[in-house]
Amino acid sequence: MTGAQVVEGWARAVRGFGRDWPAAGAHAGAERVAQLVARDTGGDGRFTNMRGGAATVEVAARPSEAEIRAAGNPGLWAILEHGTKAHTIRPRRRSSATVLSTPYGPRPFVRVSGVRARRTWTKGVRAGLVEARRSAEQAWREVS
């Protein structure tokens, strides 16, 4: 093998790293965020009796770039990130219902205790960047 062939092989490996690694790093980071979502919601990405579905994490990967998005229930993401104060929930004014349907029967209102801010996205992204960095270092060791 000539020196030019060796250099061409390295160049091919580096191009492959630049093309493929961002998606691998994003998946590593997204997995860390998803673990924190599961931890902060009791394992299923949902809060009991909260409408709108689960908080999820999506990865949009294209060659040479990737993006991690908070997907699913935006209200749940807001509560996980910022928390809530204690408040009272009443039936919607526009609705003909005069009571709320609860697991304990109909109620004219429900008092909800506050939820502390867990900073799930912020902590998850920070931890995910560490995971992505480790992934990049491992992938680079394989290239070089």
N, C-alpha and C. Protein backbone atom coordinates (compact mmCIF):
# COMPACT_ATOMS: atom_id res chain seq x y z
N MET A 1 0.85 -1.18 0.00
CA MET A 1 0.00 0.00 0.00
C MET A 1 0.89 1.24 0.00
N THR A 2 0.61 2.14 -0.90
CA THR A 2 1.42 3.36 -1.01
C THR A 2 0.98 4.38 0.03
N GLY A 3 1.82 5.37 0.23
CA GLY A 3 1.51 6.45 1.17
C GLY A 3 0.25 7.19 0.77
N ALA A 4 0.05 7.39 -0.54
CA ALA A 4 -1.15 8.08 -1.01
C ALA A 4 -2.41 7.28 -0.70
N GLN A 5 -2.33 5.97 -0.80
CA GLN A 5 -3.49 5.13 -0.50
C GLN A 5 -3.82 5.17 1.00
N VAL A 6 -2.77 5.22 1.82
CA VAL A 6 -2.98 5.32 3.27
C VAL A 6 -3.68 6.64 3.61
N VAL A 7 -3.17 7.73 3.02
CA VAL A 7 -3.78 9.04 3.29
C VAL A 7 -5.21 9.08 2.77
N GLU A 8 -5.46 8.50 1.61
CA GLU A 8 -6.82 8.45 1.06
C GLU A 8 -7.74 7.65 1.99
N GLY A 9 -7.24 6.57 2.56
CA GLY A 9 -8.02 5.77 3.52
C GLY A 9 -8.37 6.58 4.76
N TRP A 10 -7.40 7.35 5.28
CA TRP A 10 -7.68 8.22 6.44
C TRP A 10 -8.72 9.26 6.08
N ALA A 11 -8.57 9.87 4.91
CA ALA A 11 -9.52 10.91 4.49
C ALA A 11 -10.94 10.34 4.38
N ARG A 12 -11.05 9.12 3.84
CA ARG A 12 -12.36 8.47 3.74
C ARG A 12 -12.95 8.23 5.13
N ALA A 13 -12.09 7.78 6.05
CA ALA A 13 -12.56 7.52 7.42
C ALA A 13 -13.01 8.81 8.10
N VAL A 14 -12.26 9.90 7.90
CA VAL A 14 -12.62 11.18 8.52
C VAL A 14 -13.93 11.71 7.92
N ARG A 15 -14.09 11.58 6.59
CA ARG A 15 -15.36 12.00 5.97
C ARG A 15 -16.52 11.19 6.53
N GLY A 16 -16.31 9.90 6.70
CA GLY A 16 -17.36 9.06 7.29
C GLY A 16 -17.69 9.47 8.70
N PHE A 17 -16.67 9.82 9.48
CA PHE A 17 -16.88 10.29 10.85
C PHE A 17 -17.73 11.56 10.83
N GLY A 18 -17.38 12.51 9.97
CA GLY A 18 -18.12 13.77 9.88
C GLY A 18 -19.54 13.58 9.40
N ARG A 19 -19.76 12.57 8.58
CA ARG A 19 -21.10 12.31 8.04
C ARG A 19 -21.96 11.53 9.04
N ASP A 20 -21.39 10.54 9.69
CA ASP A 20 -22.17 9.61 10.50
C ASP A 20 -22.23 9.94 11.98
N TRP A 21 -21.18 10.55 12.53
CA TRP A 21 -21.14 10.72 13.97
C TRP A 21 -22.22 11.65 14.53
N PRO A 22 -22.57 12.78 13.90
CA PRO A 22 -23.58 13.64 14.53
C PRO A 22 -24.87 12.91 14.91
N ALA A 23 -25.32 12.00 14.07
CA ALA A 23 -26.54 11.24 14.40
C ALA A 23 -26.30 10.34 15.60
N ALA A 24 -25.14 9.69 15.63
CA ALA A 24 -24.83 8.81 16.77
C ALA A 24 -24.73 9.62 18.06
N GLY A 25 -24.11 10.78 18.00
CA GLY A 25 -24.01 11.64 19.19
C GLY A 25 -25.37 12.14 19.64
N ALA A 26 -26.22 12.50 18.68
CA ALA A 26 -27.57 12.97 19.02
C ALA A 26 -28.38 11.86 19.68
N HIS A 27 -28.26 10.66 19.17
CA HIS A 27 -28.99 9.54 19.78
C HIS A 27 -28.50 9.27 21.20
N ALA A 28 -27.19 9.39 21.42
CA ALA A 28 -26.66 9.21 22.77
C ALA A 28 -27.20 10.29 23.71
N GLY A 29 -27.23 11.54 23.23
CA GLY A 29 -27.76 12.63 24.05
C GLY A 29 -29.25 12.49 24.30
N ALA A 30 -29.99 12.10 23.27
CA ALA A 30 -31.44 11.94 23.40
C ALA A 30 -31.79 10.82 24.38
N GLU A 31 -30.99 9.77 24.37
CA GLU A 31 -31.25 8.68 25.32
C GLU A 31 -31.10 9.16 26.75
N ARG A 32 -30.12 10.03 26.99
CA ARG A 32 -29.93 10.56 28.35
C ARG A 32 -31.11 11.44 28.76
N VAL A 33 -31.60 12.27 27.84
CA VAL A 33 -32.78 13.10 28.14
C VAL A 33 -33.98 12.21 28.42
N ALA A 34 -34.17 11.17 27.62
CA ALA A 34 -35.30 10.25 27.80
C ALA A 34 -35.22 9.54 29.15
N GLN A 35 -34.02 9.22 29.60
CA GLN A 35 -33.87 8.60 30.92
C GLN A 35 -34.33 9.55 32.02
N LEU A 36 -33.98 10.83 31.90
CA LEU A 36 -34.41 11.80 32.90
C LEU A 36 -35.91 12.04 32.85
N VAL A 37 -36.50 12.03 31.67
CA VAL A 37 -37.97 12.15 31.56
C VAL A 37 -38.62 10.98 32.30
N ALA A 38 -38.13 9.78 32.07
CA ALA A 38 -38.69 8.61 32.74
C ALA A 38 -38.54 8.73 34.25
N ARG A 39 -37.38 9.17 34.70
CA ARG A 39 -37.15 9.33 36.14
C ARG A 39 -38.09 10.35 36.74
N ASP A 40 -38.25 11.49 36.07
CA ASP A 40 -39.04 12.59 36.63
C ASP A 40 -40.55 12.38 36.51
N THR A 41 -40.99 11.44 35.70
CA THR A 41 -42.43 11.20 35.54
C THR A 41 -42.87 9.86 36.10
N GLY A 42 -41.99 9.15 36.73
CA GLY A 42 -42.37 7.86 37.30
C GLY A 42 -42.23 6.71 36.33
N GLY A 43 -41.54 6.92 35.21
CA GLY A 43 -41.22 5.82 34.32
C GLY A 43 -41.92 5.80 32.98
N ASP A 44 -43.06 6.49 32.86
CA ASP A 44 -43.82 6.36 31.61
C ASP A 44 -43.90 7.64 30.80
N GLY A 45 -43.24 8.71 31.23
CA GLY A 45 -43.26 9.95 30.48
C GLY A 45 -44.55 10.74 30.61
N ARG A 46 -45.39 10.38 31.58
CA ARG A 46 -46.69 11.03 31.77
C ARG A 46 -46.88 11.40 33.23
N PHE A 47 -47.81 12.32 33.47
CA PHE A 47 -48.29 12.59 34.82
C PHE A 47 -49.69 12.02 34.92
N THR A 48 -50.02 11.43 36.04
CA THR A 48 -51.33 10.85 36.24
C THR A 48 -52.41 11.92 36.06
N ASN A 49 -53.44 11.58 35.34
CA ASN A 49 -54.61 12.44 35.10
C ASN A 49 -54.29 13.71 34.31
N MET A 50 -53.16 13.78 33.68
CA MET A 50 -52.86 14.94 32.83
C MET A 50 -53.13 14.57 31.38
N ARG A 51 -53.92 15.37 30.73
CA ARG A 51 -54.24 15.11 29.32
C ARG A 51 -53.07 15.51 28.43
N GLY A 52 -53.09 14.98 27.22
CA GLY A 52 -52.12 15.42 26.23
C GLY A 52 -51.03 14.43 25.91
N GLY A 53 -50.98 13.31 26.60
CA GLY A 53 -49.99 12.30 26.27
C GLY A 53 -48.67 12.47 26.99
N ALA A 54 -47.69 11.74 26.53
CA ALA A 54 -46.39 11.68 27.19
C ALA A 54 -45.44 12.73 26.64
N ALA A 55 -44.44 13.06 27.43
CA ALA A 55 -43.31 13.87 26.97
C ALA A 55 -42.33 12.91 26.31
N THR A 56 -41.93 13.21 25.10
CA THR A 56 -41.01 12.33 24.38
C THR A 56 -39.85 13.15 23.82
N VAL A 57 -38.86 12.44 23.30
CA VAL A 57 -37.68 13.07 22.72
C VAL A 57 -37.53 12.53 21.30
N GLU A 58 -37.32 13.43 20.33
CA GLU A 58 -37.13 13.03 18.94
C GLU A 58 -35.74 13.45 18.47
N VAL A 59 -35.18 12.66 17.59
CA VAL A 59 -33.91 13.00 16.95
C VAL A 59 -34.17 13.13 15.45
N ALA A 60 -33.82 14.28 14.89
CA ALA A 60 -33.89 14.48 13.45
C ALA A 60 -32.45 14.49 12.94
N ALA A 61 -32.08 13.44 12.24
CA ALA A 61 -30.69 13.31 11.77
C ALA A 61 -30.63 13.36 10.25
N ARG A 62 -29.70 14.12 9.77
CA ARG A 62 -29.37 14.19 8.35
C ARG A 62 -27.86 14.00 8.25
N PRO A 63 -27.35 13.75 7.08
CA PRO A 63 -25.90 13.62 6.97
C PRO A 63 -25.18 14.86 7.51
N SER A 64 -24.24 14.66 8.38
CA SER A 64 -23.38 15.70 8.95
C SER A 64 -24.07 16.61 9.96
N GLU A 65 -25.32 16.36 10.32
CA GLU A 65 -25.98 17.17 11.35
C GLU A 65 -27.12 16.39 11.99
N ALA A 66 -27.44 16.79 13.21
CA ALA A 66 -28.54 16.15 13.92
C ALA A 66 -29.12 17.15 14.92
N GLU A 67 -30.38 16.95 15.27
CA GLU A 67 -31.09 17.84 16.18
C GLU A 67 -31.92 17.00 17.13
N ILE A 68 -31.89 17.38 18.40
CA ILE A 68 -32.70 16.71 19.42
C ILE A 68 -33.84 17.67 19.76
N ARG A 69 -35.08 17.14 19.77
CA ARG A 69 -36.25 17.97 20.06
C ARG A 69 -37.06 17.39 21.21
N ALA A 70 -37.60 18.28 22.03
CA ALA A 70 -38.58 17.89 23.03
C ALA A 70 -39.90 17.74 22.30
N ALA A 71 -40.45 16.54 22.26
CA ALA A 71 -41.68 16.28 21.52
C ALA A 71 -42.75 15.79 22.48
N GLY A 72 -43.90 15.48 21.94
CA GLY A 72 -44.99 14.98 22.78
C GLY A 72 -45.76 16.13 23.40
N ASN A 73 -46.11 15.99 24.65
CA ASN A 73 -46.97 16.93 25.36
C ASN A 73 -46.20 18.20 25.77
N PRO A 74 -46.46 19.34 25.12
CA PRO A 74 -45.72 20.56 25.47
C PRO A 74 -46.05 21.07 26.87
N GLY A 75 -47.28 20.85 27.33
CA GLY A 75 -47.64 21.28 28.69
C GLY A 75 -46.86 20.52 29.74
N LEU A 76 -46.68 19.23 29.51
CA LEU A 76 -45.91 18.42 30.45
C LEU A 76 -44.45 18.85 30.45
N TRP A 77 -43.90 19.15 29.27
CA TRP A 77 -42.52 19.63 29.21
C TRP A 77 -42.39 20.93 30.01
N ALA A 78 -43.37 21.84 29.90
CA ALA A 78 -43.33 23.10 30.63
C ALA A 78 -43.34 22.86 32.14
N ILE A 79 -44.16 21.92 32.59
CA ILE A 79 -44.21 21.61 34.02
C ILE A 79 -42.91 20.98 34.47
N LEU A 80 -42.37 20.05 33.68
CA LEU A 80 -41.10 19.43 34.05
C LEU A 80 -39.97 20.45 34.14
N GLU A 81 -39.96 21.38 33.23
CA GLU A 81 -38.87 22.36 33.18
C GLU A 81 -39.05 23.48 34.20
N HIS A 82 -40.27 24.03 34.31
CA HIS A 82 -40.49 25.23 35.12
C HIS A 82 -41.32 25.03 36.38
N GLY A 83 -42.01 23.90 36.50
CA GLY A 83 -42.86 23.66 37.66
C GLY A 83 -44.15 24.47 37.60
N THR A 84 -44.96 24.36 38.66
CA THR A 84 -46.20 25.13 38.77
C THR A 84 -46.39 25.57 40.21
N LYS A 85 -47.18 26.62 40.40
CA LYS A 85 -47.58 27.02 41.74
C LYS A 85 -48.87 26.28 42.07
N ALA A 86 -49.23 26.23 43.33
CA ALA A 86 -50.52 25.67 43.72
C ALA A 86 -51.62 26.51 43.07
N HIS A 87 -52.68 25.85 42.56
CA HIS A 87 -53.74 26.57 41.88
C HIS A 87 -55.03 25.77 41.91
N THR A 88 -56.12 26.43 41.53
CA THR A 88 -57.43 25.81 41.49
C THR A 88 -57.85 25.64 40.04
N ILE A 89 -58.38 24.48 39.72
CA ILE A 89 -58.88 24.21 38.37
C ILE A 89 -60.40 24.18 38.45
N ARG A 90 -61.04 24.92 37.54
CA ARG A 90 -62.50 24.96 37.45
C ARG A 90 -62.91 24.54 36.05
N PRO A 91 -64.18 24.17 35.86
CA PRO A 91 -64.64 23.84 34.49
C PRO A 91 -64.48 25.05 33.57
N ARG A 92 -64.26 24.79 32.30
CA ARG A 92 -64.12 25.87 31.32
C ARG A 92 -65.42 26.65 31.23
N ARG A 93 -65.31 27.94 31.08
CA ARG A 93 -66.51 28.79 31.01
C ARG A 93 -67.35 28.48 29.78
N ARG A 94 -66.69 28.19 28.68
CA ARG A 94 -67.42 27.94 27.43
C ARG A 94 -68.11 26.58 27.42
N SER A 95 -67.70 25.72 28.30
CA SER A 95 -68.27 24.38 28.35
C SER A 95 -69.62 24.42 29.07
N SER A 96 -70.49 23.50 28.71
CA SER A 96 -71.78 23.42 29.40
C SER A 96 -71.64 22.68 30.73
N ALA A 97 -70.49 22.03 30.95
CA ALA A 97 -70.28 21.30 32.20
C ALA A 97 -70.12 22.28 33.35
N THR A 98 -70.71 21.95 34.47
CA THR A 98 -70.57 22.79 35.67
C THR A 98 -69.68 22.13 36.70
N VAL A 99 -69.25 20.90 36.42
CA VAL A 99 -68.37 20.19 37.35
C VAL A 99 -67.24 19.54 36.55
N LEU A 100 -66.18 19.21 37.28
CA LEU A 100 -65.05 18.49 36.69
C LEU A 100 -65.21 17.00 36.95
N SER A 101 -64.86 16.21 35.99
CA SER A 101 -64.88 14.76 36.17
C SER A 101 -63.54 14.36 36.76
N THR A 102 -63.55 13.79 37.96
CA THR A 102 -62.31 13.38 38.63
C THR A 102 -62.40 11.89 38.96
N PRO A 103 -61.28 11.27 39.31
CA PRO A 103 -61.32 9.86 39.73
C PRO A 103 -62.15 9.65 41.00
N TYR A 104 -62.42 10.74 41.73
CA TYR A 104 -63.18 10.64 42.97
C TYR A 104 -64.61 11.13 42.81
N GLY A 105 -65.06 11.24 41.58
CA GLY A 105 -66.40 11.70 41.31
C GLY A 105 -66.41 13.15 40.85
N PRO A 106 -67.59 13.66 40.46
CA PRO A 106 -67.67 15.04 39.97
C PRO A 106 -67.38 16.05 41.08
N ARG A 107 -66.66 17.12 40.72
CA ARG A 107 -66.32 18.17 41.68
C ARG A 107 -66.48 19.53 41.00
N PRO A 108 -66.92 20.55 41.75
CA PRO A 108 -67.05 21.89 41.16
C PRO A 108 -65.68 22.53 40.87
N PHE A 109 -64.66 22.14 41.62
CA PHE A 109 -63.30 22.62 41.38
C PHE A 109 -62.33 21.62 42.02
N VAL A 110 -61.08 21.72 41.65
CA VAL A 110 -60.03 20.86 42.20
C VAL A 110 -58.85 21.75 42.56
N ARG A 111 -58.33 21.60 43.76
CA ARG A 111 -57.12 22.31 44.17
C ARG A 111 -55.92 21.42 43.86
N VAL A 112 -54.96 21.98 43.15
CA VAL A 112 -53.77 21.24 42.75
C VAL A 112 -52.58 21.82 43.49
N SER A 113 -51.82 20.95 44.15
CA SER A 113 -50.61 21.43 44.80
C SER A 113 -49.57 21.73 43.72
N GLY A 114 -48.65 22.58 44.01
CA GLY A 114 -47.62 22.93 43.04
C GLY A 114 -46.67 21.77 42.77
N VAL A 115 -45.96 21.87 41.67
CA VAL A 115 -44.96 20.88 41.29
C VAL A 115 -43.64 21.63 41.16
N ARG A 116 -42.62 21.14 41.81
CA ARG A 116 -41.34 21.84 41.73
C ARG A 116 -40.74 21.68 40.34
N ALA A 117 -39.98 22.66 39.94
CA ALA A 117 -39.31 22.61 38.64
C ALA A 117 -38.21 21.55 38.70
N ARG A 118 -38.25 20.61 37.79
CA ARG A 118 -37.24 19.55 37.77
C ARG A 118 -36.12 19.84 36.79
N ARG A 119 -36.32 20.81 35.91
CA ARG A 119 -35.31 21.18 34.91
C ARG A 119 -34.85 19.97 34.09
N THR A 120 -35.81 19.14 33.71
CA THR A 120 -35.52 17.90 33.01
C THR A 120 -34.78 18.14 31.70
N TRP A 121 -35.26 19.07 30.88
CA TRP A 121 -34.61 19.32 29.60
C TRP A 121 -33.21 19.89 29.80
N THR A 122 -33.09 20.89 30.68
CA THR A 122 -31.80 21.52 30.92
C THR A 122 -30.76 20.51 31.42
N LYS A 123 -31.14 19.74 32.43
CA LYS A 123 -30.22 18.74 32.97
C LYS A 123 -29.94 17.64 31.95
N GLY A 124 -30.97 17.25 31.21
CA GLY A 124 -30.80 16.20 30.22
C GLY A 124 -29.87 16.59 29.10
N VAL A 125 -30.01 17.82 28.62
CA VAL A 125 -29.13 18.29 27.55
C VAL A 125 -27.69 18.38 28.06
N ARG A 126 -27.52 18.89 29.26
CA ARG A 126 -26.17 18.98 29.82
C ARG A 126 -25.54 17.59 29.93
N ALA A 127 -26.28 16.63 30.47
CA ALA A 127 -25.77 15.26 30.59
C ALA A 127 -25.63 14.63 29.21
N GLY A 128 -26.54 14.95 28.29
CA GLY A 128 -26.47 14.42 26.94
C GLY A 128 -25.24 14.89 26.19
N LEU A 129 -24.83 16.13 26.43
CA LEU A 129 -23.61 16.63 25.79
C LEU A 129 -22.39 15.85 26.26
N VAL A 130 -22.37 15.47 27.53
CA VAL A 130 -21.27 14.64 28.03
C VAL A 130 -21.29 13.29 27.33
N GLU A 131 -22.48 12.70 27.19
CA GLU A 131 -22.60 11.41 26.49
C GLU A 131 -22.18 11.55 25.02
N ALA A 132 -22.59 12.63 24.38
CA ALA A 132 -22.23 12.85 22.98
C ALA A 132 -20.72 13.03 22.83
N ARG A 133 -20.11 13.74 23.77
CA ARG A 133 -18.66 13.93 23.72
C ARG A 133 -17.94 12.58 23.85
N ARG A 134 -18.42 11.75 24.78
CA ARG A 134 -17.82 10.42 24.92
C ARG A 134 -17.98 9.60 23.65
N SER A 135 -19.16 9.70 23.06
CA SER A 135 -19.43 8.99 21.82
C SER A 135 -18.50 9.46 20.71
N ALA A 136 -18.28 10.77 20.63
CA ALA A 136 -17.38 11.33 19.60
C ALA A 136 -15.96 10.86 19.82
N GLU A 137 -15.51 10.87 21.08
CA GLU A 137 -14.14 10.42 21.36
C GLU A 137 -13.96 8.96 20.99
N GLN A 138 -14.94 8.13 21.30
CA GLN A 138 -14.87 6.71 20.95
C GLN A 138 -14.87 6.53 19.44
N ALA A 139 -15.74 7.23 18.74
CA ALA A 139 -15.80 7.12 17.29
C ALA A 139 -14.50 7.61 16.65
N TRP A 140 -13.90 8.68 17.21
CA TRP A 140 -12.65 9.19 16.65
C TRP A 140 -11.51 8.21 16.87
N ARG A 141 -11.50 7.55 18.03
CA ARG A 141 -10.46 6.53 18.28
C ARG A 141 -10.56 5.41 17.26
N GLU A 142 -11.78 5.07 16.87
CA GLU A 142 -11.95 4.01 15.87
C GLU A 142 -11.47 4.46 14.50
N VAL A 143 -11.59 5.77 14.20
CA VAL A 143 -11.14 6.30 12.91
C VAL A 143 -9.63 6.38 12.85
N SER A 144 -9.01 6.84 13.95
CA SER A 144 -7.57 7.07 13.92
C SER A 144 -6.75 5.90 14.38
